Amino acid sequence: MKKIFLGLSVILTLVLASSCLKSQNSSYKNEYYAVCGFDYSLDQYKDSVLNYFRSGYLFAEGALFFYDKGDEDELAGGFGLSMKCDPVVKPGHKTRSVMAVCDTAAYRESTGFAVFRQSSQMPDYGITFNYASEPDCYAQIRGMFVCNTNYMANIMAYGQDGIPAFREGDYLRLTVNSDSGASSSIDLASFKDGKLTYIHDWTSWDVSKVGAFKALQFTLTSNRSDIPLYCCLDDVTAYVHVEY
């Protein structure tokens, strides 16, 4: 399994310098926004279509873990990584499920983004906060950008591989739930009043009402049982408070 070291954009001047697990005699406090941009930092991965987080994969300066199930050939469920895009949506066009339906590889033209797959084989968590057991350390999810994959867009618009196109009342929805019970949802696609509307570029999703979390679960749902369930995420932003 290939491992990828991922960068972290940090807003504010201070960054997380060490773990919450230092000596009790220490005095440390820090607050910052971690923007998880899913950037590749190793050139050897730039020609790969998809790579994966593994269960318990360390990310974002030790603050967050992202989870998946799968191997190098297939993302079974959860989060994978991609840097490929394909904006073409037309009858007969076929592409891989891990390509975003947009003009750039990721929001702000960074070098990667996350692909999320909902399936019968899901990891136990979507995202967890590494220091959740420490009473004075906490994280709050604030926002992210979402987009459909090109594969989903072409299925919804024109149908593909024996799957009919979307019809009146059909929808695709992404929901994030925290361990506290708070949740937020966004419609990635819907067919209403005779018209299909779907997200076809990076779109901001404010999930701040979900608030503080130890663990987050992501779920893709649809009224259609015959469609695959994929979407793309980028710039997942969490407020992190560290004190020990």
Protein backbone atom coordinates (compact mmCIF):
# COMPACT_ATOMS: atom_id res chain seq x y z
CA MET A 1 0.00 0.00 0.00
CA LYS A 2 1.40 3.33 -1.00
CA LYS A 3 1.47 5.97 1.70
CA ILE A 4 1.15 9.66 0.96
CA PHE A 5 2.40 12.48 3.17
CA LEU A 6 -0.18 15.23 2.90
CA GLY A 7 0.35 18.95 3.48
CA LEU A 8 -1.70 21.20 5.76
CA SER A 9 -2.67 24.82 5.28
CA VAL A 10 -2.97 26.60 8.61
CA ILE A 11 -4.73 29.95 9.09
CA LEU A 12 -3.44 32.14 11.94
CA THR A 13 0.16 32.59 12.88
CA LEU A 14 0.45 29.80 15.41
CA VAL A 15 0.51 26.13 14.47
CA LEU A 16 0.22 22.95 16.42
CA ALA A 17 3.78 22.33 17.56
CA SER A 18 3.38 19.22 19.66
CA SER A 19 0.96 16.64 21.00
CA CYS A 20 -1.59 17.14 23.77
CA LEU A 21 0.15 14.30 25.54
CA LYS A 22 3.11 16.26 26.91
CA SER A 23 4.03 16.41 30.58
CA GLN A 24 1.35 17.73 32.93
CA ASN A 25 3.91 20.30 34.09
CA SER A 26 3.82 21.92 30.64
CA SER A 27 1.62 24.88 29.83
CA TYR A 28 0.54 25.20 26.24
CA LYS A 29 -2.45 26.70 24.45
CA ASN A 30 -3.07 27.17 20.76
CA GLU A 31 -5.99 27.80 18.41
CA TYR A 32 -5.97 27.53 14.65
CA TYR A 33 -7.92 26.55 11.55
CA ALA A 34 -6.72 23.40 9.81
CA VAL A 35 -7.60 23.44 6.11
CA CYS A 36 -7.23 19.91 4.80
CA GLY A 37 -6.46 20.44 1.13
CA PHE A 38 -5.55 16.84 0.21
CA ASP A 39 -2.41 17.98 -1.61
CA TYR A 40 0.09 15.47 -2.90
CA SER A 41 3.61 16.30 -1.77
CA LEU A 42 5.47 13.49 -3.54
CA ASP A 43 5.99 13.75 -7.30
CA GLN A 44 5.84 9.96 -7.69
CA TYR A 45 2.09 10.03 -7.03
CA LYS A 46 1.18 12.76 -9.50
CA ASP A 47 0.47 10.32 -12.33
CA SER A 48 -1.75 8.11 -10.18
CA VAL A 49 -5.50 8.38 -10.61
CA LEU A 50 -6.33 7.32 -7.07
CA ASN A 51 -4.57 6.57 -3.80
CA TYR A 52 -6.06 5.83 -0.43
CA PHE A 53 -6.07 6.74 3.19
CA ARG A 54 -5.67 3.68 5.34
CA SER A 55 -7.59 3.15 8.56
CA GLY A 56 -5.99 5.37 11.17
CA TYR A 57 -4.05 7.40 8.64
CA LEU A 58 -2.46 10.44 10.28
CA PHE A 59 -3.36 13.72 8.64
CA ALA A 60 -3.40 17.46 9.37
CA GLU A 61 -0.49 17.83 11.80
CA GLY A 62 -1.78 14.98 13.91
CA ALA A 63 -5.17 16.60 14.49
CA LEU A 64 -7.42 14.51 12.20
CA PHE A 65 -7.62 10.98 10.87
CA PHE A 66 -9.42 10.07 7.62
CA TYR A 67 -10.55 6.49 6.96
CA ASP A 68 -11.18 4.14 4.07
CA LYS A 69 -11.62 0.53 3.09
CA GLY A 70 -10.02 -0.72 -0.08
CA ASP A 71 -6.74 -1.42 -1.78
CA GLU A 72 -4.67 0.11 -4.57
CA ASP A 73 -7.08 -1.17 -7.22
CA GLU A 74 -10.44 -0.19 -5.76
CA LEU A 75 -11.90 2.15 -3.16
CA ALA A 76 -14.36 -0.09 -1.32
CA GLY A 77 -15.74 2.66 0.90
CA GLY A 78 -14.81 5.87 2.71
CA PHE A 79 -12.16 8.33 1.53
CA GLY A 80 -9.67 8.09 -1.30
CA LEU A 81 -7.46 10.64 -3.02
CA SER A 82 -7.53 11.88 -6.60
CA MET A 83 -6.16 14.74 -8.65
CA LYS A 84 -8.02 14.06 -11.89
CA CYS A 85 -10.92 16.02 -13.37
CA ASP A 86 -13.16 15.71 -16.41
CA PRO A 87 -15.82 18.39 -17.08
CA VAL A 88 -17.36 16.61 -20.09
CA VAL A 89 -21.01 15.64 -19.61
CA LYS A 90 -22.64 14.35 -22.80
CA PRO A 91 -24.41 11.24 -24.06
CA GLY A 92 -22.13 8.22 -24.25
CA HIS A 93 -19.24 9.82 -22.36
CA LYS A 94 -17.62 7.42 -19.92
CA THR A 95 -15.05 8.18 -17.26
CA ARG A 96 -13.81 6.85 -13.96
CA SER A 97 -15.76 7.42 -10.78
CA VAL A 98 -12.84 9.22 -9.10
CA MET A 99 -12.71 12.18 -11.50
CA ALA A 100 -14.33 15.44 -10.42
CA VAL A 101 -16.74 17.07 -12.89
CA CYS A 102 -14.99 20.44 -12.93
CA ASP A 103 -12.32 22.29 -14.87
CA THR A 104 -9.58 22.11 -12.23
CA ALA A 105 -8.17 19.22 -10.26
CA ALA A 106 -9.31 20.76 -6.99
CA TYR A 107 -10.52 23.96 -5.39
CA ARG A 108 -7.94 26.77 -5.72
CA GLU A 109 -6.15 24.52 -8.22
CA SER A 110 -4.39 22.54 -5.50
CA THR A 111 -2.86 19.21 -6.40
CA GLY A 112 -5.52 16.88 -5.01
CA PHE A 113 -8.92 16.34 -3.48
CA ALA A 114 -10.79 13.60 -1.65
CA VAL A 115 -13.18 11.14 -3.24
CA PHE A 116 -15.84 9.68 -0.96
CA ARG A 117 -17.66 6.44 -1.71
CA GLN A 118 -20.73 5.16 0.11
CA SER A 119 -21.08 1.39 -0.08
CA SER A 120 -21.83 -1.74 1.90
CA GLN A 121 -18.16 -1.82 2.92
CA MET A 122 -17.57 1.26 5.05
CA PRO A 123 -14.91 2.04 7.67
CA ASP A 124 -16.07 2.52 11.25
CA TYR A 125 -15.52 6.28 11.00
CA GLY A 126 -15.22 8.99 8.38
CA ILE A 127 -13.03 11.45 10.29
CA THR A 128 -11.88 11.35 13.90
CA PHE A 129 -10.17 13.96 16.10
CA ASN A 130 -6.87 12.56 17.31
CA TYR A 131 -6.92 14.27 20.73
CA ALA A 132 -10.58 13.68 21.58
CA SER A 133 -9.67 11.90 24.82
CA GLU A 134 -7.92 15.01 26.15
CA PRO A 135 -10.43 17.15 28.10
CA ASP A 136 -9.02 20.52 27.01
CA CYS A 137 -8.45 19.69 23.36
CA TYR A 138 -11.31 19.87 20.89
CA ALA A 139 -12.12 20.35 17.21
CA GLN A 140 -15.09 21.95 15.46
CA ILE A 141 -15.93 21.24 11.85
CA ARG A 142 -16.57 24.51 9.99
CA GLY A 143 -16.86 23.94 6.26
CA MET A 144 -15.68 22.24 3.09
CA PHE A 145 -16.13 22.29 -0.68
CA VAL A 146 -18.10 19.61 -2.51
CA CYS A 147 -18.47 18.52 -6.12
CA ASN A 148 -19.90 15.57 -8.02
CA THR A 149 -17.72 13.09 -9.83
CA ASN A 150 -17.90 13.10 -13.62
CA TYR A 151 -19.15 9.52 -13.55
CA MET A 152 -22.11 10.44 -11.37
CA ALA A 153 -22.88 13.55 -13.43
CA ASN A 154 -23.08 11.55 -16.66
CA ILE A 155 -25.25 8.88 -15.07
CA MET A 156 -27.63 11.46 -13.61
CA ALA A 157 -27.85 13.45 -16.86
CA TYR A 158 -27.94 10.71 -19.50
CA GLY A 159 -27.80 7.32 -17.86
CA GLN A 160 -25.00 4.81 -18.34
CA ASP A 161 -24.23 1.07 -18.19
CA GLY A 162 -27.90 0.15 -18.05
CA ILE A 163 -28.67 2.72 -15.33
CA PRO A 164 -31.42 5.17 -16.39
CA ALA A 165 -30.90 8.92 -16.13
CA PHE A 166 -32.49 10.83 -13.26
CA ARG A 167 -36.22 11.40 -13.45
CA GLU A 168 -38.69 13.55 -11.54
CA GLY A 169 -38.15 13.21 -7.79
CA ASP A 170 -34.69 11.63 -7.98
CA TYR A 171 -31.94 13.07 -5.79
CA LEU A 172 -28.41 12.56 -4.43
CA ARG A 173 -27.65 13.93 -0.96
CA LEU A 174 -24.54 14.14 1.23
CA THR A 175 -24.91 14.24 5.02
CA VAL A 176 -22.32 14.65 7.76
CA ASN A 177 -23.17 13.49 11.30
CA SER A 178 -21.13 14.09 14.45
CA ASP A 179 -20.95 11.77 17.45
CA SER A 180 -22.99 14.38 19.37
CA GLY A 181 -25.97 13.81 17.04
CA ALA A 182 -25.70 17.10 15.10
CA SER A 183 -25.88 16.87 11.33
CA SER A 184 -25.90 18.87 8.10
CA SER A 185 -26.93 17.89 4.56
CA ILE A 186 -26.47 19.20 1.04
CA ASP A 187 -28.18 18.11 -2.17
CA LEU A 188 -25.59 17.18 -4.78
CA ALA A 189 -28.27 16.61 -7.39
CA SER A 190 -32.06 16.73 -7.72
CA PHE A 191 -34.64 16.43 -10.46
CA LYS A 192 -37.53 18.81 -9.82
CA ASP A 193 -40.18 20.39 -12.04
CA GLY A 194 -38.83 18.61 -15.08
CA LYS A 195 -35.26 19.83 -14.63
CA LEU A 196 -32.05 18.18 -13.42
CA THR A 197 -29.86 20.36 -11.19
CA TYR A 198 -26.50 19.08 -9.97
CA ILE A 199 -23.30 20.51 -8.50
CA HIS A 200 -20.75 20.68 -11.30
CA ASP A 201 -18.07 22.89 -9.74
CA TRP A 202 -16.51 23.24 -6.29
CA THR A 203 -19.29 24.52 -4.05
CA SER A 204 -18.92 25.79 -0.49
CA TRP A 205 -20.77 23.82 2.18
CA ASP A 206 -21.18 25.47 5.59
CA VAL A 207 -21.31 22.69 8.19
CA SER A 208 -20.53 24.89 11.21
CA LYS A 209 -23.78 23.91 12.96
CA VAL A 210 -22.38 20.40 13.36
CA GLY A 211 -19.88 21.96 15.78
CA ALA A 212 -17.48 20.10 18.07
CA PHE A 213 -16.79 16.46 17.32
CA LYS A 214 -14.80 13.43 18.29
CA ALA A 215 -15.90 11.55 15.19
CA LEU A 216 -17.73 12.41 11.96
CA GLN A 217 -19.65 10.08 9.68
CA PHE A 218 -20.38 10.93 6.05
CA THR A 219 -23.32 9.35 4.21
CA LEU A 220 -24.49 9.56 0.60
CA THR A 221 -28.17 8.79 0.10
CA SER A 222 -30.55 8.66 -2.85
CA ASN A 223 -34.05 7.46 -3.59
CA ARG A 224 -32.41 5.45 -6.37
CA SER A 225 -31.06 2.03 -5.38
CA ASP A 226 -29.48 1.41 -8.79
CA ILE A 227 -26.86 4.18 -8.81
CA PRO A 228 -23.31 4.15 -7.43
CA LEU A 229 -22.67 6.66 -4.64
CA TYR A 230 -19.64 8.91 -5.04
CA CYS A 231 -18.74 12.57 -4.48
CA CYS A 232 -15.67 14.79 -4.11
CA LEU A 233 -14.56 16.91 -1.13
CA ASP A 234 -11.86 19.53 -0.74
CA ASP A 235 -10.64 22.09 1.81
CA VAL A 236 -12.23 20.35 4.80
CA THR A 237 -11.82 23.00 7.50
CA ALA A 238 -11.75 22.39 11.24
CA TYR A 239 -11.15 24.78 14.12
CA VAL A 240 -8.71 23.15 16.53
CA HIS A 241 -8.18 24.12 20.18
CA VAL A 242 -5.16 22.68 21.96
CA GLU A 243 -4.55 23.17 25.67
CA TYR A 244 -2.54 21.08 28.13
